[in-house]
């Protein structure tokens, strides 16, 4: 029997969304791979998980953590993967550890839970039967122009992530590519005290952002 690699979803804001099975899974693991030990340490303290070793596996260190993780799995020990918020592997580290564990023949499973893209999608009011997740758009250059053109032509609902200091520029670029009458939902601070969902056209979204300082991570949902 070898150990399991377990992807454990964590709250995207409200700590009350931490699932009981997620807590029990983290408590039973030999190692918890996380983006930031300080952030995850606070979460573990809140839910009463103590004595489990933490190892940093962020975008810079995930590949270097693979040998250690595979070694623990070979010993029959379970390893958990968490990110700062949401589901590991979705615009966050985790995918390389999954690929390595599968390649080595180990069991990979997950404790499902919060994902900002899903919450934003269902709150948007747009078609949820067919959608595409684009994550973060390229920041500049030909790659950004190409991706914007693909988004503009997409018939399915499109979900994007964006940082607060770049959201106005992204909405401007989407308006230029898609037309200012294309409908959009801007969501931020999901599950938190100041959760906001704004719905309207891309043209009106710029007016809204100009009047309200963007704060918190945004999920942008664009009608197909």
C-alpha atoms as a PDB file:
ATOM      1  CA  UNK A   1       0.000   0.000   0.000  1.00  0.00           C
ATOM      2  CA  UNK A   2       1.320   3.416  -0.967  1.00  0.00           C
ATOM      3  CA  UNK A   3       0.175   6.749   0.310  1.00  0.00           C
ATOM      4  CA  UNK A   4      -2.301   9.105  -1.342  1.00  0.00           C
ATOM      5  CA  UNK A   5      -1.831  12.584  -2.708  1.00  0.00           C
ATOM      6  CA  UNK A   6      -4.923  14.524  -1.624  1.00  0.00           C
ATOM      7  CA  UNK A   7      -5.903  17.893  -3.084  1.00  0.00           C
ATOM      8  CA  UNK A   8      -7.774  19.710  -0.321  1.00  0.00           C
ATOM      9  CA  UNK A   9      -9.903  22.733  -1.149  1.00  0.00           C
ATOM     10  CA  UNK A  10      -9.838  25.579   1.371  1.00  0.00           C
ATOM     11  CA  UNK A  11     -12.125  28.609   1.852  1.00  0.00           C
ATOM     12  CA  UNK A  12     -11.911  31.474  -0.627  1.00  0.00           C
ATOM     13  CA  UNK A  13     -12.776  33.935   2.118  1.00  0.00           C
ATOM     14  CA  UNK A  14     -15.241  32.736   4.719  1.00  0.00           C
ATOM     15  CA  UNK A  15     -13.534  30.268   7.074  1.00  0.00           C
ATOM     16  CA  UNK A  16     -16.916  28.743   7.831  1.00  0.00           C
ATOM     17  CA  UNK A  17     -16.715  27.052   4.440  1.00  0.00           C
ATOM     18  CA  UNK A  18     -13.950  24.696   5.598  1.00  0.00           C
ATOM     19  CA  UNK A  19     -15.373  21.184   5.234  1.00  0.00           C
ATOM     20  CA  UNK A  20     -15.151  18.731   8.162  1.00  0.00           C
ATOM     21  CA  UNK A  21     -13.633  16.065   5.879  1.00  0.00           C
ATOM     22  CA  UNK A  22     -10.976  18.557   4.783  1.00  0.00           C
ATOM     23  CA  UNK A  23     -10.000  19.101   8.424  1.00  0.00           C
ATOM     24  CA  UNK A  24      -9.777  15.363   9.128  1.00  0.00           C
ATOM     25  CA  UNK A  25      -7.737  14.777   5.975  1.00  0.00           C
ATOM     26  CA  UNK A  26      -5.225  17.488   6.842  1.00  0.00           C
ATOM     27  CA  UNK A  27      -4.919  16.172  10.399  1.00  0.00           C
ATOM     28  CA  UNK A  28      -4.009  12.679   9.118  1.00  0.00           C
ATOM     29  CA  UNK A  29      -1.363  13.694   6.560  1.00  0.00           C
ATOM     30  CA  UNK A  30       2.381  13.440   7.007  1.00  0.00           C
ATOM     31  CA  UNK A  31       2.989  16.617   4.996  1.00  0.00           C
ATOM     32  CA  UNK A  32       0.865  19.527   3.826  1.00  0.00           C
ATOM     33  CA  UNK A  33       2.194  21.256   0.722  1.00  0.00           C
ATOM     34  CA  UNK A  34       1.093  24.885   0.679  1.00  0.00           C
ATOM     35  CA  UNK A  35       1.834  28.191  -1.015  1.00  0.00           C
ATOM     36  CA  UNK A  36       2.594  30.126   2.170  1.00  0.00           C
ATOM     37  CA  UNK A  37       3.234  28.489   5.528  1.00  0.00           C
ATOM     38  CA  UNK A  38       2.103  31.589   7.420  1.00  0.00           C
ATOM     39  CA  UNK A  39      -1.236  31.737   5.639  1.00  0.00           C
ATOM     40  CA  UNK A  40      -1.895  28.000   5.912  1.00  0.00           C
ATOM     41  CA  UNK A  41      -0.628  27.961   9.495  1.00  0.00           C
ATOM     42  CA  UNK A  42      -3.322  30.444  10.487  1.00  0.00           C
ATOM     43  CA  UNK A  43      -5.989  28.350   8.781  1.00  0.00           C
ATOM     44  CA  UNK A  44      -4.804  25.170  10.501  1.00  0.00           C
ATOM     45  CA  UNK A  45      -4.776  26.897  13.876  1.00  0.00           C
ATOM     46  CA  UNK A  46      -8.334  28.103  13.278  1.00  0.00           C
ATOM     47  CA  UNK A  47      -9.620  24.585  12.543  1.00  0.00           C
ATOM     48  CA  UNK A  48      -7.550  22.904  15.264  1.00  0.00           C
ATOM     49  CA  UNK A  49      -5.006  21.001  13.159  1.00  0.00           C
ATOM     50  CA  UNK A  50      -1.663  20.820  14.960  1.00  0.00           C
ATOM     51  CA  UNK A  51       1.602  18.952  14.592  1.00  0.00           C
ATOM     52  CA  UNK A  52       1.499  18.383  10.815  1.00  0.00           C
ATOM     53  CA  UNK A  53       4.588  19.444   8.889  1.00  0.00           C
ATOM     54  CA  UNK A  54       4.203  22.138   6.256  1.00  0.00           C
ATOM     55  CA  UNK A  55       6.238  22.397   3.061  1.00  0.00           C
ATOM     56  CA  UNK A  56       6.191  25.270   0.608  1.00  0.00           C
ATOM     57  CA  UNK A  57       5.021  24.286  -2.880  1.00  0.00           C
ATOM     58  CA  UNK A  58       4.375  27.518  -4.744  1.00  0.00           C
ATOM     59  CA  UNK A  59       4.967  28.405  -8.394  1.00  0.00           C
ATOM     60  CA  UNK A  60       8.723  28.562  -7.767  1.00  0.00           C
ATOM     61  CA  UNK A  61       9.209  25.527  -5.509  1.00  0.00           C
ATOM     62  CA  UNK A  62       6.553  22.998  -6.524  1.00  0.00           C
ATOM     63  CA  UNK A  63       8.854  21.115  -8.918  1.00  0.00           C
ATOM     64  CA  UNK A  64      11.585  20.898  -6.280  1.00  0.00           C
ATOM     65  CA  UNK A  65       9.118  19.381  -3.797  1.00  0.00           C
ATOM     66  CA  UNK A  66       8.228  16.422  -6.058  1.00  0.00           C
ATOM     67  CA  UNK A  67      10.965  13.995  -4.916  1.00  0.00           C
ATOM     68  CA  UNK A  68      10.113  14.487  -1.239  1.00  0.00           C
ATOM     69  CA  UNK A  69       6.404  13.978  -1.883  1.00  0.00           C
ATOM     70  CA  UNK A  70       6.972  10.818  -3.928  1.00  0.00           C
ATOM     71  CA  UNK A  71       9.238   9.463  -1.203  1.00  0.00           C
ATOM     72  CA  UNK A  72       6.539   9.900   1.439  1.00  0.00           C
ATOM     73  CA  UNK A  73       3.941   8.292  -0.796  1.00  0.00           C
ATOM     74  CA  UNK A  74       6.262   5.303  -1.307  1.00  0.00           C
ATOM     75  CA  UNK A  75       6.439   4.943   2.469  1.00  0.00           C
ATOM     76  CA  UNK A  76       2.653   4.664   2.605  1.00  0.00           C
ATOM     77  CA  UNK A  77       2.111   8.157   4.005  1.00  0.00           C
ATOM     78  CA  UNK A  78      -0.526  10.579   2.784  1.00  0.00           C
ATOM     79  CA  UNK A  79       0.401  14.050   1.511  1.00  0.00           C
ATOM     80  CA  UNK A  80      -2.047  16.934   1.193  1.00  0.00           C
ATOM     81  CA  UNK A  81      -1.877  19.868  -1.191  1.00  0.00           C
ATOM     82  CA  UNK A  82      -3.585  23.165  -0.366  1.00  0.00           C
ATOM     83  CA  UNK A  83      -3.347  26.660  -1.774  1.00  0.00           C
ATOM     84  CA  UNK A  84      -4.010  30.008  -0.145  1.00  0.00           C
ATOM     85  CA  UNK A  85      -7.645  29.843  -1.229  1.00  0.00           C
ATOM     86  CA  UNK A  86      -9.850  27.553  -3.276  1.00  0.00           C
ATOM     87  CA  UNK A  87      -9.059  24.367  -5.156  1.00  0.00           C
ATOM     88  CA  UNK A  88      -5.404  23.421  -5.807  1.00  0.00           C
ATOM     89  CA  UNK A  89      -4.365  23.243  -9.441  1.00  0.00           C
ATOM     90  CA  UNK A  90      -6.807  25.875 -10.708  1.00  0.00           C
ATOM     91  CA  UNK A  91      -4.680  28.967 -11.429  1.00  0.00           C
ATOM     92  CA  UNK A  92      -2.660  27.826  -8.417  1.00  0.00           C
ATOM     93  CA  UNK A  93       0.100  25.250  -7.745  1.00  0.00           C
ATOM     94  CA  UNK A  94      -0.712  21.548  -7.532  1.00  0.00           C
ATOM     95  CA  UNK A  95      -0.856  20.301 -11.104  1.00  0.00           C
ATOM     96  CA  UNK A  96       2.828  19.289 -11.285  1.00  0.00           C
ATOM     97  CA  UNK A  97       2.565  17.267  -8.081  1.00  0.00           C
ATOM     98  CA  UNK A  98      -0.534  15.543  -9.450  1.00  0.00           C
ATOM     99  CA  UNK A  99       1.223  14.662 -12.713  1.00  0.00           C
ATOM    100  CA  UNK A 100       4.262  13.293 -10.870  1.00  0.00           C
ATOM    101  CA  UNK A 101       2.178  11.208  -8.452  1.00  0.00           C
ATOM    102  CA  UNK A 102       0.089   9.717 -11.251  1.00  0.00           C
ATOM    103  CA  UNK A 103       3.221   8.974 -13.253  1.00  0.00           C
ATOM    104  CA  UNK A 104       4.688   7.107 -10.290  1.00  0.00           C
ATOM    105  CA  UNK A 105       1.534   5.019  -9.906  1.00  0.00           C
ATOM    106  CA  UNK A 106       0.199   6.586  -6.725  1.00  0.00           C
ATOM    107  CA  UNK A 107      -3.416   7.311  -5.866  1.00  0.00           C
ATOM    108  CA  UNK A 108      -4.504  10.910  -6.334  1.00  0.00           C
ATOM    109  CA  UNK A 109      -7.787  12.038  -4.834  1.00  0.00           C
ATOM    110  CA  UNK A 110      -9.405  15.257  -3.637  1.00  0.00           C
ATOM    111  CA  UNK A 111     -11.595  16.770  -0.972  1.00  0.00           C
ATOM    112  CA  UNK A 112     -13.809  19.093  -3.038  1.00  0.00           C
ATOM    113  CA  UNK A 113     -14.810  22.520  -1.906  1.00  0.00           C
ATOM    114  CA  UNK A 114     -14.805  26.201  -2.780  1.00  0.00           C
ATOM    115  CA  UNK A 115     -13.745  27.469  -6.222  1.00  0.00           C
ATOM    116  CA  UNK A 116     -14.138  31.161  -6.997  1.00  0.00           C
ATOM    117  CA  UNK A 117     -14.766  30.531 -10.697  1.00  0.00           C
ATOM    118  CA  UNK A 118     -17.792  28.317  -9.971  1.00  0.00           C
ATOM    119  CA  UNK A 119     -19.309  30.725  -7.467  1.00  0.00           C
ATOM    120  CA  UNK A 120     -18.886  33.696  -9.813  1.00  0.00           C
ATOM    121  CA  UNK A 121     -20.361  31.744 -12.716  1.00  0.00           C
ATOM    122  CA  UNK A 122     -23.541  30.761 -10.905  1.00  0.00           C
ATOM    123  CA  UNK A 123     -24.003  34.299  -9.547  1.00  0.00           C
ATOM    124  CA  UNK A 124     -23.498  35.961 -12.928  1.00  0.00           C
ATOM    125  CA  UNK A 125     -26.935  35.232 -14.343  1.00  0.00           C
ATOM    126  CA  UNK A 126     -25.415  34.029 -17.615  1.00  0.00           C
ATOM    127  CA  UNK A 127     -25.656  30.616 -19.265  1.00  0.00           C
ATOM    128  CA  UNK A 128     -24.017  27.993 -17.045  1.00  0.00           C
ATOM    129  CA  UNK A 129     -24.640  24.948 -19.233  1.00  0.00           C
ATOM    130  CA  UNK A 130     -21.535  25.647 -21.338  1.00  0.00           C
ATOM    131  CA  UNK A 131     -18.648  27.786 -20.152  1.00  0.00           C
ATOM    132  CA  UNK A 132     -14.881  28.158 -20.484  1.00  0.00           C
ATOM    133  CA  UNK A 133     -12.355  29.152 -17.822  1.00  0.00           C
ATOM    134  CA  UNK A 134      -9.524  31.364 -19.072  1.00  0.00           C
ATOM    135  CA  UNK A 135      -7.776  32.060 -15.762  1.00  0.00           C
ATOM    136  CA  UNK A 136      -5.531  35.136 -15.980  1.00  0.00           C
ATOM    137  CA  UNK A 137      -5.089  36.743 -19.397  1.00  0.00           C
ATOM    138  CA  UNK A 138      -1.508  37.297 -20.627  1.00  0.00           C
ATOM    139  CA  UNK A 139      -0.382  40.701 -19.405  1.00  0.00           C
ATOM    140  CA  UNK A 140       0.906  42.147 -22.669  1.00  0.00           C
ATOM    141  CA  UNK A 141       2.070  41.603 -26.221  1.00  0.00           C
ATOM    142  CA  UNK A 142       0.800  39.515 -29.080  1.00  0.00           C
ATOM    143  CA  UNK A 143      -0.254  36.710 -26.754  1.00  0.00           C
ATOM    144  CA  UNK A 144      -2.703  39.046 -24.966  1.00  0.00           C
ATOM    145  CA  UNK A 145      -4.107  40.362 -28.254  1.00  0.00           C
ATOM    146  CA  UNK A 146      -4.612  36.807 -29.527  1.00  0.00           C
ATOM    147  CA  UNK A 147      -6.321  35.654 -26.343  1.00  0.00           C
ATOM    148  CA  UNK A 148      -8.648  38.675 -26.314  1.00  0.00           C
ATOM    149  CA  UNK A 149      -9.681  37.876 -29.892  1.00  0.00           C
ATOM    150  CA  UNK A 150     -10.406  34.275 -28.880  1.00  0.00           C
ATOM    151  CA  UNK A 151     -12.491  35.445 -25.923  1.00  0.00           C
ATOM    152  CA  UNK A 152     -14.410  37.858 -28.159  1.00  0.00           C
ATOM    153  CA  UNK A 153     -15.351  35.025 -30.530  1.00  0.00           C
ATOM    154  CA  UNK A 154     -16.218  32.536 -27.769  1.00  0.00           C
ATOM    155  CA  UNK A 155     -19.896  31.535 -27.777  1.00  0.00           C
ATOM    156  CA  UNK A 156     -19.761  30.014 -24.299  1.00  0.00           C
ATOM    157  CA  UNK A 157     -19.745  32.018 -21.073  1.00  0.00           C
ATOM    158  CA  UNK A 158     -16.158  33.023 -20.229  1.00  0.00           C
ATOM    159  CA  UNK A 159     -14.724  33.214 -16.693  1.00  0.00           C
ATOM    160  CA  UNK A 160     -11.539  35.197 -16.016  1.00  0.00           C
ATOM    161  CA  UNK A 161      -9.468  36.008 -12.953  1.00  0.00           C
ATOM    162  CA  UNK A 162      -7.961  39.463 -12.498  1.00  0.00           C
ATOM    163  CA  UNK A 163      -6.076  41.469  -9.883  1.00  0.00           C
ATOM    164  CA  UNK A 164      -7.663  44.721  -8.645  1.00  0.00           C
ATOM    165  CA  UNK A 165      -4.940  46.972 -10.079  1.00  0.00           C
ATOM    166  CA  UNK A 166      -5.366  45.448 -13.551  1.00  0.00           C
ATOM    167  CA  UNK A 167      -9.128  44.938 -13.757  1.00  0.00           C
ATOM    168  CA  UNK A 168      -9.904  48.337 -15.340  1.00  0.00           C
ATOM    169  CA  UNK A 169      -7.371  47.757 -18.093  1.00  0.00           C
ATOM    170  CA  UNK A 170      -8.737  44.264 -18.737  1.00  0.00           C
ATOM    171  CA  UNK A 171     -12.325  45.544 -18.934  1.00  0.00           C
ATOM    172  CA  UNK A 172     -11.140  48.266 -21.342  1.00  0.00           C
ATOM    173  CA  UNK A 173      -9.419  45.693 -23.546  1.00  0.00           C
ATOM    174  CA  UNK A 174     -12.449  43.396 -23.437  1.00  0.00           C
ATOM    175  CA  UNK A 175     -14.668  46.274 -24.471  1.00  0.00           C
ATOM    176  CA  UNK A 176     -12.412  47.023 -27.439  1.00  0.00           C
ATOM    177  CA  UNK A 177     -12.339  43.357 -28.482  1.00  0.00           C
ATOM    178  CA  UNK A 178     -15.950  42.381 -27.772  1.00  0.00           C
ATOM    179  CA  UNK A 179     -17.843  45.643 -28.084  1.00  0.00           C
ATOM    180  CA  UNK A 180     -18.991  47.752 -25.159  1.00  0.00           C
ATOM    181  CA  UNK A 181     -22.518  46.293 -25.248  1.00  0.00           C
ATOM    182  CA  UNK A 182     -21.332  42.785 -24.328  1.00  0.00           C
ATOM    183  CA  UNK A 183     -22.707  41.879 -20.906  1.00  0.00           C
ATOM    184  CA  UNK A 184     -20.384  41.180 -18.002  1.00  0.00           C
ATOM    185  CA  UNK A 185     -20.504  40.407 -14.297  1.00  0.00           C
ATOM    186  CA  UNK A 186     -17.747  41.720 -12.051  1.00  0.00           C
ATOM    187  CA  UNK A 187     -17.483  39.798  -8.794  1.00  0.00           C
ATOM    188  CA  UNK A 188     -15.118  40.440  -5.919  1.00  0.00           C
ATOM    189  CA  UNK A 189     -14.546  39.505  -2.281  1.00  0.00           C
ATOM    190  CA  UNK A 190     -16.639  36.367  -2.772  1.00  0.00           C
ATOM    191  CA  UNK A 191     -17.922  34.831   0.508  1.00  0.00           C
ATOM    192  CA  UNK A 192     -16.420  37.759   2.457  1.00  0.00           C
ATOM    193  CA  UNK A 193     -18.122  40.588   4.344  1.00  0.00           C
ATOM    194  CA  UNK A 194     -17.998  42.997   1.383  1.00  0.00           C
ATOM    195  CA  UNK A 195     -18.935  40.508  -1.334  1.00  0.00           C
ATOM    196  CA  UNK A 196     -20.078  42.327  -4.468  1.00  0.00           C
ATOM    197  CA  UNK A 197     -21.577  41.198  -7.771  1.00  0.00           C
ATOM    198  CA  UNK A 198     -22.008  43.946 -10.366  1.00  0.00           C
ATOM    199  CA  UNK A 199     -23.838  43.174 -13.635  1.00  0.00           C
ATOM    200  CA  UNK A 200     -24.077  45.286 -16.764  1.00  0.00           C
ATOM    201  CA  UNK A 201     -22.325  46.018 -20.059  1.00  0.00           C
ATOM    202  CA  UNK A 202     -18.587  46.337 -20.580  1.00  0.00           C
ATOM    203  CA  UNK A 203     -19.061  50.027 -21.301  1.00  0.00           C
ATOM    204  CA  UNK A 204     -20.936  50.607 -18.045  1.00  0.00           C
ATOM    205  CA  UNK A 205     -18.427  48.461 -16.159  1.00  0.00           C
ATOM    206  CA  UNK A 206     -15.714  51.034 -16.851  1.00  0.00           C
ATOM    207  CA  UNK A 207     -17.905  53.776 -15.389  1.00  0.00           C
ATOM    208  CA  UNK A 208     -18.552  51.610 -12.337  1.00  0.00           C
ATOM    209  CA  UNK A 209     -14.851  50.901 -11.802  1.00  0.00           C
ATOM    210  CA  UNK A 210     -13.970  54.575 -12.198  1.00  0.00           C
ATOM    211  CA  UNK A 211     -16.434  55.463  -9.450  1.00  0.00           C
ATOM    212  CA  UNK A 212     -15.463  52.645  -7.100  1.00  0.00           C
ATOM    213  CA  UNK A 213     -11.826  51.885  -6.272  1.00  0.00           C
ATOM    214  CA  UNK A 214     -11.238  48.224  -7.206  1.00  0.00           C
ATOM    215  CA  UNK A 215     -10.382  46.191  -4.123  1.00  0.00           C
ATOM    216  CA  UNK A 216      -9.990  42.473  -3.634  1.00  0.00           C
ATOM    217  CA  UNK A 217      -9.424  39.774  -6.225  1.00  0.00           C
ATOM    218  CA  UNK A 218     -11.870  39.882  -9.130  1.00  0.00           C
ATOM    219  CA  UNK A 219     -13.610  37.141 -11.068  1.00  0.00           C
ATOM    220  CA  UNK A 220     -14.913  38.501 -14.371  1.00  0.00           C
ATOM    221  CA  UNK A 221     -17.737  36.590 -16.065  1.00  0.00           C
ATOM    222  CA  UNK A 222     -18.360  37.523 -19.704  1.00  0.00           C
ATOM    223  CA  UNK A 223     -21.465  36.549 -21.614  1.00  0.00           C
ATOM    224  CA  UNK A 224     -20.737  34.375 -24.651  1.00  0.00           C
END
